[in-house]
Protein backbone atom coordinates (compact mmCIF):
# COMPACT_ATOMS: atom_id res chain seq x y z
CA MET A 1 -223.17 17.07 -263.28
CA GLN A 2 -220.00 19.38 -261.56
CA VAL A 3 -218.33 21.70 -263.70
CA THR A 4 -215.70 23.19 -263.58
CA ARG A 5 -212.85 25.77 -264.94
CA ASP A 6 -211.26 22.46 -266.03
CA THR A 7 -214.44 21.76 -267.56
CA PHE A 8 -214.00 24.70 -270.36
CA ASP A 9 -211.01 23.23 -270.99
CA GLU A 10 -212.59 19.57 -271.57
CA VAL A 11 -215.09 20.19 -273.95
CA MET A 12 -215.35 23.46 -275.48
CA VAL A 13 -213.05 25.05 -278.77
CA PRO A 14 -210.28 27.02 -277.54
CA ASN A 15 -211.31 30.34 -279.16
CA TYR A 16 -211.68 32.13 -275.54
CA ASN A 17 -209.54 31.62 -272.13
CA PRO A 18 -211.54 32.30 -269.65
CA ALA A 19 -210.74 33.53 -266.27
CA ALA A 20 -210.16 30.68 -263.15
CA LEU A 21 -213.70 31.71 -261.33
CA VAL A 22 -217.15 30.18 -262.64
CA PRO A 23 -219.44 33.08 -262.08
CA VAL A 24 -223.17 31.52 -261.00
CA LYS A 25 -225.23 34.73 -259.79
CA GLY A 26 -225.96 38.01 -259.82
CA GLU A 27 -227.90 40.46 -258.06
CA GLY A 28 -227.06 44.36 -259.22
CA SER A 29 -223.90 45.04 -259.87
CA ARG A 30 -222.95 42.02 -257.66
CA VAL A 31 -222.03 38.73 -258.82
CA TRP A 32 -221.24 35.37 -256.67
CA ASP A 33 -218.53 32.77 -257.85
CA GLN A 34 -219.15 28.75 -257.24
CA ASP A 35 -217.35 29.53 -253.93
CA GLY A 36 -219.49 32.01 -253.01
CA ASN A 37 -217.67 35.19 -253.32
CA GLU A 38 -218.75 38.58 -253.85
CA TYR A 39 -217.37 40.27 -257.10
CA ILE A 40 -218.95 44.12 -257.81
CA ASP A 41 -219.15 44.15 -261.43
CA PHE A 42 -217.56 46.89 -263.24
CA ALA A 43 -217.77 44.60 -266.91
CA GLY A 44 -221.81 45.24 -267.35
CA GLY A 45 -220.90 42.23 -269.37
CA ILE A 46 -218.81 43.76 -271.85
CA ALA A 47 -221.78 46.86 -271.74
CA VAL A 48 -224.87 44.56 -271.74
CA ASN A 49 -226.19 44.89 -268.42
CA VAL A 50 -227.29 48.17 -268.62
CA LEU A 51 -229.76 47.00 -266.01
CA GLY A 52 -227.37 45.49 -263.35
CA HIS A 53 -228.27 41.19 -263.26
CA CYS A 54 -231.60 40.07 -262.76
CA HIS A 55 -233.55 42.90 -262.31
CA PRO A 56 -236.74 41.92 -260.88
CA GLU A 57 -238.31 43.59 -264.63
CA LEU A 58 -236.80 42.05 -266.86
CA VAL A 59 -236.78 38.87 -264.61
CA ALA A 60 -240.68 39.20 -264.59
CA ALA A 61 -241.34 40.69 -268.64
CA LEU A 62 -239.29 37.18 -269.43
CA LYS A 63 -241.20 35.04 -267.06
CA GLU A 64 -244.32 36.43 -268.39
CA GLN A 65 -243.07 36.85 -272.41
CA GLY A 66 -242.23 32.20 -271.42
CA GLU A 67 -245.38 31.59 -270.36
CA LYS A 68 -247.00 33.64 -273.75
CA LEU A 69 -245.65 32.79 -276.62
CA TRP A 70 -241.43 32.39 -277.33
CA HIS A 71 -240.65 31.18 -281.33
CA LEU A 72 -242.62 31.97 -284.57
CA SER A 73 -241.06 31.72 -288.35
CA ASN A 74 -240.60 35.17 -290.25
CA VAL A 75 -244.13 33.73 -291.50
CA PHE A 76 -245.64 35.72 -288.61
CA THR A 77 -245.17 38.78 -286.55
CA ASN A 78 -245.79 39.01 -282.93
CA GLU A 79 -246.35 42.18 -280.78
CA PRO A 80 -243.54 42.47 -278.45
CA ALA A 81 -241.79 42.57 -281.58
CA LEU A 82 -244.10 45.80 -282.96
CA ARG A 83 -244.41 47.02 -279.70
CA LEU A 84 -240.62 47.00 -279.52
CA ALA A 85 -239.46 48.95 -282.67
CA LYS A 86 -242.77 51.40 -282.13
CA LYS A 87 -240.35 52.90 -279.27
CA LEU A 88 -237.26 52.66 -281.41
CA THR A 89 -238.44 54.96 -284.01
CA ASN A 90 -240.63 57.25 -281.28
CA ALA A 91 -237.27 57.30 -279.94
CA THR A 92 -234.72 58.02 -283.11
CA PHE A 93 -234.78 59.39 -286.03
CA ALA A 94 -234.85 55.85 -287.40
CA GLU A 95 -238.36 55.21 -289.54
CA ARG A 96 -237.97 50.75 -289.97
CA VAL A 97 -236.57 48.42 -287.99
CA TYR A 98 -234.96 45.08 -288.63
CA PHE A 99 -234.01 42.17 -285.43
CA ALA A 100 -231.56 40.17 -285.50
CA ASN A 101 -229.88 38.21 -282.59
CA SER A 102 -226.55 40.53 -282.24
CA GLY A 103 -224.09 43.61 -282.67
CA ALA A 104 -222.61 41.66 -285.47
CA GLU A 105 -225.39 40.36 -287.43
CA ALA A 106 -227.21 44.33 -287.21
CA ASN A 107 -223.88 45.15 -288.91
CA GLU A 108 -224.17 42.66 -291.50
CA ALA A 109 -228.07 43.62 -292.27
CA ALA A 110 -226.36 47.42 -292.29
CA LEU A 111 -223.24 46.68 -294.60
CA LYS A 112 -225.96 45.24 -296.85
CA LEU A 113 -228.53 46.99 -296.84
CA ALA A 114 -225.75 50.02 -297.54
CA ARG A 115 -224.01 48.14 -300.15
CA ARG A 116 -227.52 47.01 -301.76
CA TYR A 117 -229.42 50.57 -301.60
CA ALA A 118 -225.92 52.38 -303.60
CA ILE A 119 -226.59 49.42 -306.79
CA GLU A 120 -230.26 49.96 -306.62
CA HIS A 121 -229.81 53.39 -306.19
CA PHE A 122 -227.09 54.17 -308.38
CA GLY A 123 -225.05 50.89 -310.16
CA GLU A 124 -222.74 48.03 -309.72
CA GLU A 125 -219.77 50.34 -309.35
CA LYS A 126 -220.67 52.65 -306.20
CA ASN A 127 -219.46 49.32 -303.92
CA GLN A 128 -216.72 51.11 -302.09
CA ILE A 129 -217.16 50.91 -297.61
CA ILE A 130 -214.77 52.80 -295.57
CA SER A 131 -214.11 52.34 -292.08
CA PHE A 132 -211.17 52.60 -289.53
CA ASN A 133 -208.57 51.84 -287.13
CA GLN A 134 -209.23 50.05 -284.11
CA GLY A 135 -212.59 49.98 -285.21
CA PHE A 136 -214.92 47.18 -284.48
CA HIS A 137 -218.35 45.70 -285.77
CA GLY A 138 -218.31 42.34 -284.90
CA ARG A 139 -217.17 39.04 -286.12
CA THR A 140 -218.70 37.12 -288.81
CA PHE A 141 -216.28 37.54 -291.77
CA PHE A 142 -217.79 40.79 -293.42
CA THR A 143 -218.17 42.19 -290.40
CA VAL A 144 -214.61 41.92 -288.84
CA THR A 145 -212.39 42.61 -292.37
CA VAL A 146 -215.17 46.29 -292.21
CA GLY A 147 -213.36 46.21 -288.55
CA GLY A 148 -210.38 48.42 -289.15
CA GLN A 149 -207.94 45.10 -286.84
CA ALA A 150 -206.49 42.89 -289.31
CA ALA A 151 -205.29 41.13 -286.28
CA TYR A 152 -208.85 39.39 -286.02
CA SER A 153 -209.77 39.53 -289.89
CA ASP A 154 -206.06 37.75 -291.21
CA GLY A 155 -205.64 34.27 -290.93
CA PHE A 156 -209.16 33.22 -293.12
CA GLY A 157 -208.29 33.04 -296.53
CA PRO A 158 -209.15 35.79 -298.74
CA LYS A 159 -211.33 38.86 -297.69
CA PRO A 160 -214.23 40.64 -299.00
CA GLY A 161 -213.63 42.78 -301.32
CA ALA A 162 -213.77 46.82 -301.93
CA ILE A 163 -212.87 47.52 -297.50
CA GLN A 164 -210.62 50.48 -296.39
CA HIS A 165 -209.50 51.68 -293.39
CA VAL A 166 -208.01 54.74 -292.88
CA ASP A 167 -207.03 56.32 -288.69
CA TYR A 168 -210.20 57.73 -286.60
CA ASN A 169 -210.27 61.10 -286.77
CA ASP A 170 -208.29 61.71 -289.93
CA LEU A 171 -211.18 63.97 -291.65
CA SER A 172 -208.32 64.43 -294.24
CA ALA A 173 -207.34 60.65 -294.64
CA LEU A 174 -211.50 59.88 -294.90
CA GLU A 175 -211.44 62.57 -297.12
CA ALA A 176 -208.31 61.63 -299.61
CA ILE A 177 -209.56 58.12 -300.42
CA MET A 178 -213.84 58.64 -300.74
CA SER A 179 -214.92 58.86 -304.21
CA ASP A 180 -218.86 58.52 -305.66
CA LYS A 181 -217.92 55.38 -305.81
CA THR A 182 -217.94 55.43 -301.66
CA CYS A 183 -221.46 53.43 -301.25
CA ALA A 184 -220.86 53.82 -297.18
CA VAL A 185 -218.32 54.73 -294.03
CA MET A 186 -219.00 52.92 -291.15
CA MET A 187 -218.26 54.78 -287.80
CA GLU A 188 -218.22 53.72 -283.79
CA PRO A 189 -219.07 57.17 -282.55
CA LEU A 190 -216.88 56.45 -279.94
CA GLN A 191 -214.29 53.84 -280.28
CA GLY A 192 -215.11 51.09 -278.27
CA GLU A 193 -212.83 47.48 -278.39
CA GLY A 194 -210.10 49.85 -280.24
CA GLY A 195 -209.12 51.71 -276.95
CA ILE A 196 -212.36 53.95 -276.16
CA ILE A 197 -211.78 56.51 -278.20
CA SER A 198 -213.78 59.90 -279.16
CA PRO A 199 -214.83 61.28 -281.50
CA THR A 200 -213.82 65.00 -281.95
CA GLN A 201 -216.49 67.15 -283.31
CA GLU A 202 -215.14 68.66 -285.98
CA PHE A 203 -214.12 65.02 -287.35
CA VAL A 204 -217.97 63.18 -287.21
CA GLU A 205 -219.18 66.57 -288.39
CA GLY A 206 -216.98 66.50 -291.58
CA VAL A 207 -218.06 62.96 -292.50
CA ARG A 208 -221.10 63.55 -292.44
CA ALA A 209 -220.50 66.22 -294.83
CA LEU A 210 -218.34 63.56 -296.73
CA CYS A 211 -221.06 60.89 -297.33
CA ASP A 212 -223.14 63.77 -298.51
CA LYS A 213 -220.61 65.50 -301.15
CA HIS A 214 -220.84 61.63 -302.06
CA ASN A 215 -224.10 60.28 -301.49
CA ALA A 216 -222.74 57.39 -299.20
CA LEU A 217 -225.29 56.54 -296.39
CA LEU A 218 -223.51 57.47 -293.00
CA ILE A 219 -223.49 54.05 -290.76
CA PHE A 220 -223.23 54.60 -287.02
CA ASP A 221 -221.97 50.74 -285.07
CA GLU A 222 -223.52 52.01 -281.50
CA VAL A 223 -223.56 48.15 -280.63
CA GLN A 224 -221.69 49.48 -277.57
CA SER A 225 -222.42 53.21 -277.39
CA GLY A 226 -225.64 52.48 -277.13
CA VAL A 227 -229.30 52.69 -274.91
CA GLY A 228 -227.93 55.12 -272.35
CA ARG A 229 -224.72 54.35 -272.08
CA THR A 230 -223.24 58.25 -272.59
CA GLY A 231 -225.69 59.63 -270.62
CA HIS A 232 -227.75 59.63 -274.01
CA LEU A 233 -230.23 56.89 -275.44
CA TYR A 234 -227.57 56.56 -278.70
CA ALA A 235 -224.25 58.31 -278.39
CA TYR A 236 -225.28 60.14 -282.26
CA MET A 237 -227.88 62.41 -280.46
CA GLY A 238 -225.33 64.39 -278.57
CA LEU A 239 -222.80 64.75 -281.00
CA GLY A 240 -226.00 66.03 -282.97
CA VAL A 241 -224.87 64.46 -285.97
CA THR A 242 -227.92 61.46 -287.51
CA PRO A 243 -226.69 58.69 -289.24
CA ASP A 244 -228.75 57.57 -291.96
CA ILE A 245 -228.40 53.91 -290.47
CA LEU A 246 -227.53 52.44 -287.03
CA THR A 247 -227.19 49.66 -284.98
CA SER A 248 -227.75 48.70 -281.61
CA ALA A 249 -227.54 45.03 -280.04
CA LYS A 250 -225.37 44.48 -276.70
CA ALA A 251 -227.34 46.74 -273.51
CA LEU A 252 -230.47 46.61 -275.47
CA GLY A 253 -231.70 43.81 -274.47
CA GLY A 254 -230.25 44.59 -271.29
CA GLY A 255 -228.13 40.64 -271.58
CA PHE A 256 -230.42 38.88 -273.11
CA PRO A 257 -229.14 38.30 -277.00
CA ILE A 258 -231.22 41.23 -278.97
CA GLY A 259 -229.48 43.11 -282.16
CA ALA A 260 -231.30 45.85 -284.12
CA MET A 261 -230.85 47.99 -287.01
CA LEU A 262 -232.61 51.67 -287.60
CA THR A 263 -232.81 53.41 -291.02
CA THR A 264 -235.04 55.73 -292.98
CA ALA A 265 -238.00 54.27 -294.68
CA LYS A 266 -236.51 54.88 -298.36
CA ILE A 267 -233.01 53.70 -297.16
CA ALA A 268 -234.90 50.45 -295.83
CA ALA A 269 -236.81 49.43 -299.34
CA SER A 270 -234.01 48.21 -301.07
CA LEU A 271 -234.15 45.47 -298.41
CA LYS A 272 -237.08 43.58 -300.42
CA PRO A 273 -239.24 40.42 -299.11
CA GLY A 274 -235.99 37.12 -299.51
CA THR A 275 -233.26 39.34 -299.48
CA HIS A 276 -231.72 39.39 -296.11
CA GLY A 277 -233.76 36.90 -292.81
CA SER A 278 -233.10 35.50 -290.14
CA THR A 279 -234.62 33.01 -287.70
CA TYR A 280 -234.56 34.21 -284.47
CA GLY A 281 -234.72 37.70 -285.25
CA GLY A 282 -237.76 39.49 -283.31
CA ASN A 283 -238.57 36.68 -281.37
CA PRO A 284 -240.72 37.85 -279.11
CA LEU A 285 -239.05 37.15 -275.70
CA ALA A 286 -235.69 39.21 -276.69
CA CYS A 287 -238.01 41.75 -277.88
CA ALA A 288 -240.12 41.44 -274.81
CA VAL A 289 -237.58 41.81 -272.52
CA ALA A 290 -235.62 44.61 -274.42
CA GLU A 291 -239.20 46.45 -274.35
CA ARG A 292 -238.80 46.53 -271.04
CA ALA A 293 -235.14 47.35 -270.71
CA LEU A 294 -235.48 50.70 -273.34
CA ASP A 295 -238.72 51.15 -271.36
CA ILE A 296 -236.40 51.21 -267.98
CA VAL A 297 -233.28 53.08 -269.67
CA ASN A 298 -235.61 55.91 -272.12
CA GLN A 299 -235.56 58.10 -268.85
CA PRO A 300 -234.36 61.17 -267.47
CA GLU A 301 -233.66 60.24 -264.27
CA VAL A 302 -231.20 56.90 -265.56
CA LEU A 303 -229.79 58.78 -268.76
CA GLU A 304 -229.42 62.14 -266.64
CA GLY A 305 -227.91 59.38 -263.69
CA VAL A 306 -225.27 58.46 -266.26
CA PHE A 307 -223.19 61.81 -265.82
CA ARG A 308 -223.32 62.11 -262.77
CA LYS A 309 -221.49 58.64 -261.63
CA GLU A 310 -219.64 58.78 -264.47
CA GLN A 311 -218.10 61.93 -262.91
CA LEU A 312 -218.39 59.77 -259.29
CA PHE A 313 -216.24 57.38 -261.68
CA ARG A 314 -213.86 60.54 -262.52
CA ASP A 315 -213.33 61.90 -258.47
CA GLY A 316 -211.96 58.46 -257.64
CA LEU A 317 -210.13 57.52 -260.77
CA GLN A 318 -208.09 60.84 -261.02
CA ALA A 319 -207.90 60.33 -257.03
CA ILE A 320 -205.92 56.94 -257.52
CA ASN A 321 -204.04 58.46 -259.78
CA ASP A 322 -202.95 60.61 -257.90
CA LYS A 323 -201.41 58.54 -255.48
CA TYR A 324 -199.53 55.80 -257.93
CA HIS A 325 -199.76 57.25 -261.09
CA VAL A 326 -200.31 55.25 -264.26
CA PHE A 327 -202.73 56.76 -266.63
CA ASP A 328 -202.27 59.25 -268.75
CA GLU A 329 -205.81 60.21 -269.34
CA VAL A 330 -209.42 58.66 -268.25
CA ARG A 331 -211.32 58.85 -271.86
CA GLY A 332 -214.98 58.13 -272.78
CA LYS A 333 -218.22 59.25 -272.51
CA GLY A 334 -220.92 58.81 -269.43
CA LEU A 335 -220.67 55.20 -268.22
CA LEU A 336 -218.02 53.68 -270.77
CA LEU A 337 -214.61 54.49 -270.18
CA GLY A 338 -210.72 54.00 -270.73
CA CYS A 339 -208.11 54.37 -268.44
CA ALA A 340 -205.41 54.68 -270.67
CA LEU A 341 -201.66 53.62 -269.33
CA ASN A 342 -198.79 55.83 -269.00
CA GLU A 343 -195.32 55.22 -270.57
CA LYS A 344 -194.47 53.52 -267.73
CA TYR A 345 -196.85 50.86 -267.83
CA LYS A 346 -197.26 50.68 -271.29
CA GLY A 347 -199.10 47.04 -272.56
CA ARG A 348 -199.81 45.68 -269.18
CA ALA A 349 -203.74 46.66 -269.15
CA ARG A 350 -204.18 43.10 -268.63
CA ASP A 351 -202.27 42.80 -265.27
CA PHE A 352 -204.63 45.57 -263.74
CA LEU A 353 -207.47 43.59 -264.77
CA ASN A 354 -205.98 40.34 -263.30
CA ALA A 355 -204.89 42.09 -260.23
CA ALA A 356 -208.51 43.79 -260.70
CA THR A 357 -210.12 39.69 -260.30
CA GLN A 358 -208.08 38.45 -257.28
CA HIS A 359 -209.10 42.33 -255.43
CA LYS A 360 -213.35 40.76 -256.43
CA LEU A 361 -213.76 43.70 -259.21
CA MET A 362 -214.47 42.76 -262.42
CA CYS A 363 -213.37 45.57 -265.34
CA LEU A 364 -212.26 45.22 -268.45
CA ILE A 365 -209.50 45.95 -271.44
CA ALA A 366 -209.22 47.84 -274.76
CA GLY A 367 -207.07 46.56 -276.46
CA ALA A 368 -203.22 46.36 -274.73
CA ASN A 369 -202.34 49.91 -273.00
CA VAL A 370 -206.88 50.18 -271.86
CA VAL A 371 -208.21 49.70 -269.18
CA ARG A 372 -211.95 49.69 -269.56
CA PHE A 373 -215.14 50.38 -266.99
CA ALA A 374 -218.75 49.47 -268.70
CA PRO A 375 -221.07 49.09 -265.34
CA SER A 376 -225.10 48.72 -265.17
CA LEU A 377 -226.37 52.98 -266.06
CA VAL A 378 -228.28 52.14 -262.34
CA ILE A 379 -225.01 51.30 -259.87
CA PRO A 380 -225.77 51.80 -257.13
CA ASP A 381 -222.80 55.29 -255.88
CA ALA A 382 -221.82 52.43 -252.78
CA ASP A 383 -220.80 50.16 -255.36
CA ILE A 384 -218.71 52.55 -257.25
CA LYS A 385 -217.34 53.82 -253.96
CA GLN A 386 -216.54 50.39 -253.02
CA GLY A 387 -215.61 49.78 -256.42
CA LEU A 388 -212.69 51.74 -256.84
CA GLU A 389 -211.62 50.56 -253.58
CA ARG A 390 -210.88 47.75 -255.02
CA PHE A 391 -209.44 48.71 -257.56
CA GLU A 392 -207.41 51.10 -255.94
CA LEU A 393 -205.51 47.58 -254.04
CA ALA A 394 -205.73 46.51 -257.84
CA VAL A 395 -203.31 49.55 -259.08
CA ALA A 396 -201.31 49.04 -255.52
CA GLN A 397 -200.50 45.34 -256.19
CA VAL A 398 -199.33 45.84 -260.17
CA VAL A 399 -197.67 48.59 -258.67
CA GLY A 400 -195.61 47.57 -255.85
CA GLU A 401 -194.32 44.56 -258.17
């Protein structure tokens, strides 16, 4: 059956508006479309393809597990899930893991656990959840309401209650609305969709202290910042602040759908049998691929390489900006970087993305004012150089319009 981009408009719900090109093949940091055009991938499937496309070791893990066992109900456990959970607890603060299929599901589990824990230990009144404006935590009704972008949650009727938002990096605003009724504060240790905003050290330490003061759980949404993206296995490790609950997805499976919620044994005890579940969560296929991805990423040479490659990006972007003067700053950490447009080009991030696509480069945006890069952590230096050359052509095109 022959399909094209037009087929999308015929058969798909119109909640997306995908690009005109249809990718059909990927290898490393290169992607090819239906017409055989080759693109360099600086988008990484929105920080998912942590080891690029079709990494041979991930392909091998998938094939091997695919010939053994695909799916079991949660009446049983399975070896890949147990191995992956063991490796995650060994590598982090956590003692217990819950597997889901996505970041939204991992965040849904974290929020339900936080509420359940608070009610069990402190009573029904302790139910307030606080998160941050411009935050993003998924598209379920609970997670999209906790996310701090009303445009994504409005228009669907009454929202889950006892959820409030304050500005990111505004510790006094958080302090003003926190009380002993607060059950959890949820934050990204590096805001992704909200514009690639890093927390100040004072802010992240202050959030932890306020949670301790009010017996509230601190939830770190590391769906985008986790699994090597910042040069640490998880971003909290570079901040020196440990959450009570951490969520992981995107890069965890290297492209195969999986999500995980990590927490302590004490907190996890509140999710007793029957309180939460997922049909596919922890399935052997996803866990086998994720185990291999974690093994590869969690090596010093890969994590240290992220910082070196970050510098290549920053140097290249600085050179482009010295010439064309389009960015106010380059934000972010590791290989989650955002070019914030200056006043002259405000609101035109999508123009830069579209121009980049025309010049055979895949990139992202984070809101209307930030061009975002989230490439493979093992992208070859030569691909970074060539990709930045293509990005310069795109910038020149937008500037010349």
